[in-house]
């Protein structure tokens, strides 16, 4: 009888812990959602565009961004398919 009561008590404690864990996850998502909402409202589309343009311009001037794509694929010769013969 005591063993059954102990098992019930442990089960209830485990359920309470699971409920607390779930509540904390819900609160964390709520906080993140509120943070995202506040940040999104703080910047206008024009401000975001200026930031992106400045970032891209900085990448171009520093050489981190290629100004044009190569005309031929950059595959090693052994990986390139053989040219079609007789077509």
N, C-alpha and C. Protein backbone atom coordinates (compact mmCIF):
# COMPACT_ATOMS: atom_id res chain seq x y z
N UNK A 1 0.81 -1.19 0.00
CA UNK A 1 0.00 0.00 0.00
C UNK A 1 0.86 1.27 0.00
N UNK A 2 1.92 1.25 0.83
CA UNK A 2 2.82 2.40 0.89
C UNK A 2 3.52 2.60 -0.44
N UNK A 3 3.88 1.52 -1.10
CA UNK A 3 4.56 1.61 -2.39
C UNK A 3 3.66 2.26 -3.43
N UNK A 4 2.37 1.93 -3.42
CA UNK A 4 1.42 2.53 -4.35
C UNK A 4 1.29 4.03 -4.08
N UNK A 5 1.23 4.42 -2.82
CA UNK A 5 1.13 5.84 -2.49
C UNK A 5 2.39 6.60 -2.92
N UNK A 6 3.54 5.97 -2.73
CA UNK A 6 4.79 6.58 -3.15
C UNK A 6 4.82 6.76 -4.66
N UNK A 7 4.36 5.74 -5.40
CA UNK A 7 4.32 5.84 -6.86
C UNK A 7 3.38 6.95 -7.32
N UNK A 8 2.23 7.07 -6.67
CA UNK A 8 1.28 8.13 -7.02
C UNK A 8 1.89 9.50 -6.74
N UNK A 9 2.56 9.63 -5.61
CA UNK A 9 3.19 10.90 -5.26
C UNK A 9 4.27 11.28 -6.27
N UNK A 10 5.11 10.31 -6.65
CA UNK A 10 6.16 10.57 -7.62
C UNK A 10 5.56 10.93 -8.98
N UNK A 11 4.48 10.27 -9.34
CA UNK A 11 3.81 10.57 -10.60
C UNK A 11 3.26 11.99 -10.60
N UNK A 12 2.66 12.39 -9.49
CA UNK A 12 2.12 13.74 -9.39
C UNK A 12 3.24 14.78 -9.44
N UNK A 13 4.36 14.50 -8.78
CA UNK A 13 5.49 15.42 -8.81
C UNK A 13 6.04 15.56 -10.23
N UNK A 14 6.12 14.43 -10.92
CA UNK A 14 6.61 14.45 -12.29
C UNK A 14 5.67 15.27 -13.19
N UNK A 15 4.37 15.12 -12.99
CA UNK A 15 3.40 15.88 -13.77
C UNK A 15 3.51 17.37 -13.47
N UNK A 16 3.69 17.72 -12.21
CA UNK A 16 3.84 19.12 -11.84
C UNK A 16 5.09 19.72 -12.48
N UNK A 17 6.18 18.97 -12.49
CA UNK A 17 7.41 19.45 -13.12
C UNK A 17 7.20 19.65 -14.62
N UNK A 18 6.50 18.72 -15.24
CA UNK A 18 6.23 18.82 -16.68
C UNK A 18 5.37 20.06 -16.98
N UNK A 19 4.39 20.33 -16.14
CA UNK A 19 3.54 21.50 -16.31
C UNK A 19 4.36 22.78 -16.16
N UNK A 20 5.24 22.83 -15.17
CA UNK A 20 6.08 24.01 -14.97
C UNK A 20 7.03 24.21 -16.15
N UNK A 21 7.57 23.11 -16.66
CA UNK A 21 8.48 23.21 -17.81
C UNK A 21 7.72 23.75 -19.03
N UNK A 22 6.51 23.23 -19.26
CA UNK A 22 5.71 23.69 -20.38
C UNK A 22 5.37 25.18 -20.23
N UNK A 23 4.99 25.59 -19.03
CA UNK A 23 4.67 27.00 -18.78
C UNK A 23 5.87 27.90 -19.07
N UNK A 24 7.05 27.45 -18.67
CA UNK A 24 8.24 28.27 -18.91
C UNK A 24 8.56 28.37 -20.40
N UNK A 25 8.31 27.30 -21.16
CA UNK A 25 8.52 27.35 -22.61
C UNK A 25 7.54 28.32 -23.26
N UNK A 26 6.28 28.28 -22.82
CA UNK A 26 5.27 29.20 -23.37
C UNK A 26 5.67 30.64 -23.07
N UNK A 27 6.13 30.91 -21.87
CA UNK A 27 6.55 32.26 -21.50
C UNK A 27 7.75 32.70 -22.33
N UNK A 28 8.67 31.79 -22.60
CA UNK A 28 9.84 32.12 -23.42
C UNK A 28 9.42 32.49 -24.83
N UNK A 29 8.50 31.73 -25.42
CA UNK A 29 8.01 32.06 -26.76
C UNK A 29 7.29 33.41 -26.75
N UNK A 30 6.54 33.68 -25.70
CA UNK A 30 5.81 34.94 -25.60
C UNK A 30 6.79 36.12 -25.54
N UNK A 31 7.83 35.98 -24.75
CA UNK A 31 8.83 37.03 -24.64
C UNK A 31 9.51 37.26 -25.99
N UNK A 32 9.86 36.19 -26.68
CA UNK A 32 10.52 36.31 -27.98
C UNK A 32 9.60 36.98 -28.99
N UNK A 33 8.33 36.61 -29.00
CA UNK A 33 7.37 37.22 -29.91
C UNK A 33 7.23 38.71 -29.64
N UNK A 34 7.14 39.07 -28.38
CA UNK A 34 7.04 40.49 -28.02
C UNK A 34 8.29 41.25 -28.42
N UNK A 35 9.46 40.63 -28.27
CA UNK A 35 10.71 41.29 -28.66
C UNK A 35 10.74 41.52 -30.16
N UNK A 36 10.35 40.51 -30.93
CA UNK A 36 10.34 40.64 -32.38
C UNK A 36 9.36 41.72 -32.83
N UNK A 37 8.22 41.79 -32.18
CA UNK A 37 7.22 42.80 -32.51
C UNK A 37 7.77 44.20 -32.23
N UNK A 38 8.44 44.36 -31.12
CA UNK A 38 9.00 45.67 -30.77
C UNK A 38 10.10 46.08 -31.74
N UNK A 39 10.95 45.15 -32.12
CA UNK A 39 12.05 45.47 -33.05
C UNK A 39 11.50 45.79 -34.43
N UNK A 40 10.51 45.04 -34.88
CA UNK A 40 9.95 45.27 -36.21
C UNK A 40 9.29 46.64 -36.30
N UNK A 41 8.66 47.08 -35.24
CA UNK A 41 8.00 48.38 -35.23
C UNK A 41 9.00 49.52 -35.13
N UNK A 42 10.19 49.25 -34.68
CA UNK A 42 11.18 50.30 -34.45
C UNK A 42 11.85 50.77 -35.74
N UNK A 43 11.81 49.96 -36.80
CA UNK A 43 12.51 50.32 -38.04
C UNK A 43 11.51 50.40 -39.19
N UNK A 44 11.69 51.42 -40.01
CA UNK A 44 10.86 51.56 -41.20
C UNK A 44 11.50 50.76 -42.34
N UNK A 45 10.72 50.45 -43.37
CA UNK A 45 11.31 49.76 -44.54
C UNK A 45 12.47 50.55 -45.16
N UNK A 46 12.38 51.87 -45.16
CA UNK A 46 13.46 52.68 -45.71
C UNK A 46 14.75 52.52 -44.90
N UNK A 47 14.62 52.46 -43.58
CA UNK A 47 15.80 52.27 -42.74
C UNK A 47 16.43 50.90 -42.98
N UNK A 48 15.61 49.88 -43.11
CA UNK A 48 16.12 48.53 -43.39
C UNK A 48 16.83 48.52 -44.73
N UNK A 49 16.24 49.17 -45.74
CA UNK A 49 16.85 49.22 -47.07
C UNK A 49 18.20 49.92 -47.01
N UNK A 50 18.31 51.02 -46.26
CA UNK A 50 19.59 51.72 -46.13
C UNK A 50 20.65 50.83 -45.50
N UNK A 51 20.27 50.07 -44.48
CA UNK A 51 21.22 49.17 -43.83
C UNK A 51 21.70 48.10 -44.81
N UNK A 52 20.77 47.51 -45.55
CA UNK A 52 21.14 46.46 -46.51
C UNK A 52 22.03 47.02 -47.60
N UNK A 53 21.67 48.19 -48.15
CA UNK A 53 22.50 48.79 -49.20
C UNK A 53 23.90 49.11 -48.68
N UNK A 54 23.99 49.63 -47.47
CA UNK A 54 25.30 49.92 -46.89
C UNK A 54 26.13 48.66 -46.70
N UNK A 55 25.48 47.58 -46.26
CA UNK A 55 26.18 46.32 -46.06
C UNK A 55 26.70 45.77 -47.39
N UNK A 56 25.85 45.78 -48.41
CA UNK A 56 26.25 45.26 -49.73
C UNK A 56 27.37 46.14 -50.30
N UNK A 57 27.24 47.46 -50.19
CA UNK A 57 28.28 48.35 -50.70
C UNK A 57 29.62 48.09 -49.99
N UNK A 58 29.57 47.86 -48.69
CA UNK A 58 30.78 47.54 -47.96
C UNK A 58 31.40 46.24 -48.42
N UNK A 59 30.56 45.27 -48.73
CA UNK A 59 31.08 43.98 -49.21
C UNK A 59 31.71 44.13 -50.59
N UNK A 60 31.11 44.96 -51.44
CA UNK A 60 31.67 45.17 -52.78
C UNK A 60 33.02 45.86 -52.69
N UNK A 61 33.12 46.91 -51.87
CA UNK A 61 34.37 47.66 -51.79
C UNK A 61 35.49 46.86 -51.12
N UNK A 62 35.12 45.95 -50.22
CA UNK A 62 36.15 45.16 -49.55
C UNK A 62 36.52 43.91 -50.33
N UNK A 63 35.77 43.61 -51.38
CA UNK A 63 36.08 42.44 -52.19
C UNK A 63 35.43 41.17 -51.69
N UNK A 64 34.55 41.28 -50.72
CA UNK A 64 33.86 40.09 -50.21
C UNK A 64 32.74 39.63 -51.12
N UNK A 65 32.32 40.49 -52.02
CA UNK A 65 31.21 40.17 -52.91
C UNK A 65 31.71 40.25 -54.34
N UNK A 66 31.51 39.21 -55.10
CA UNK A 66 31.96 39.20 -56.49
C UNK A 66 31.06 40.13 -57.30
N UNK A 67 31.66 40.96 -58.15
CA UNK A 67 30.87 41.89 -58.94
C UNK A 67 30.22 41.22 -60.14
N UNK A 68 30.79 40.11 -60.59
CA UNK A 68 30.17 39.39 -61.70
C UNK A 68 30.45 37.90 -61.51
N UNK A 69 29.57 37.10 -62.04
CA UNK A 69 29.72 35.66 -61.94
C UNK A 69 30.64 35.18 -63.06
N UNK A 70 31.40 34.13 -62.82
CA UNK A 70 32.27 33.60 -63.88
C UNK A 70 31.41 33.03 -65.02
N UNK A 71 31.94 33.11 -66.21
CA UNK A 71 31.20 32.65 -67.38
C UNK A 71 31.14 31.13 -67.45
N UNK A 72 32.16 30.45 -66.96
CA UNK A 72 32.20 28.99 -67.01
C UNK A 72 32.04 28.45 -65.59
N UNK A 73 31.46 27.25 -65.48
CA UNK A 73 31.32 26.67 -64.15
C UNK A 73 32.69 26.41 -63.53
N UNK A 74 32.75 26.46 -62.23
CA UNK A 74 34.01 26.29 -61.53
C UNK A 74 34.17 24.86 -61.03
N UNK A 75 33.85 23.87 -61.88
CA UNK A 75 34.01 22.46 -61.53
C UNK A 75 35.41 22.01 -61.91
N UNK A 76 35.97 21.13 -61.13
CA UNK A 76 37.26 20.55 -61.55
C UNK A 76 37.05 19.78 -62.85
N UNK A 77 38.06 19.74 -63.72
CA UNK A 77 37.91 19.08 -65.02
C UNK A 77 37.44 17.63 -64.92
N UNK A 78 37.87 16.91 -63.89
CA UNK A 78 37.48 15.51 -63.78
C UNK A 78 36.00 15.34 -63.45
N UNK A 79 35.36 16.37 -62.91
CA UNK A 79 33.95 16.28 -62.57
C UNK A 79 33.04 16.78 -63.69
N UNK A 80 33.61 17.46 -64.68
CA UNK A 80 32.79 18.03 -65.75
C UNK A 80 32.34 16.91 -66.69
N UNK A 81 31.11 17.00 -67.19
CA UNK A 81 30.64 15.97 -68.13
C UNK A 81 31.40 16.06 -69.44
N UNK A 82 31.57 14.94 -70.11
CA UNK A 82 32.30 14.97 -71.40
C UNK A 82 31.47 15.72 -72.44
N UNK A 83 32.14 16.39 -73.38
CA UNK A 83 31.40 17.11 -74.42
C UNK A 83 30.63 16.12 -75.30
N UNK A 84 29.47 16.55 -75.77
CA UNK A 84 28.67 15.69 -76.65
C UNK A 84 29.37 15.55 -77.99
N UNK A 85 29.59 14.30 -78.39
CA UNK A 85 30.26 14.06 -79.66
C UNK A 85 29.25 13.53 -80.66
N UNK A 86 29.29 14.06 -81.90
CA UNK A 86 28.44 13.56 -82.95
C UNK A 86 27.04 14.14 -82.91
N UNK A 87 26.79 15.18 -82.18
CA UNK A 87 25.46 15.78 -82.15
C UNK A 87 25.44 17.04 -82.90
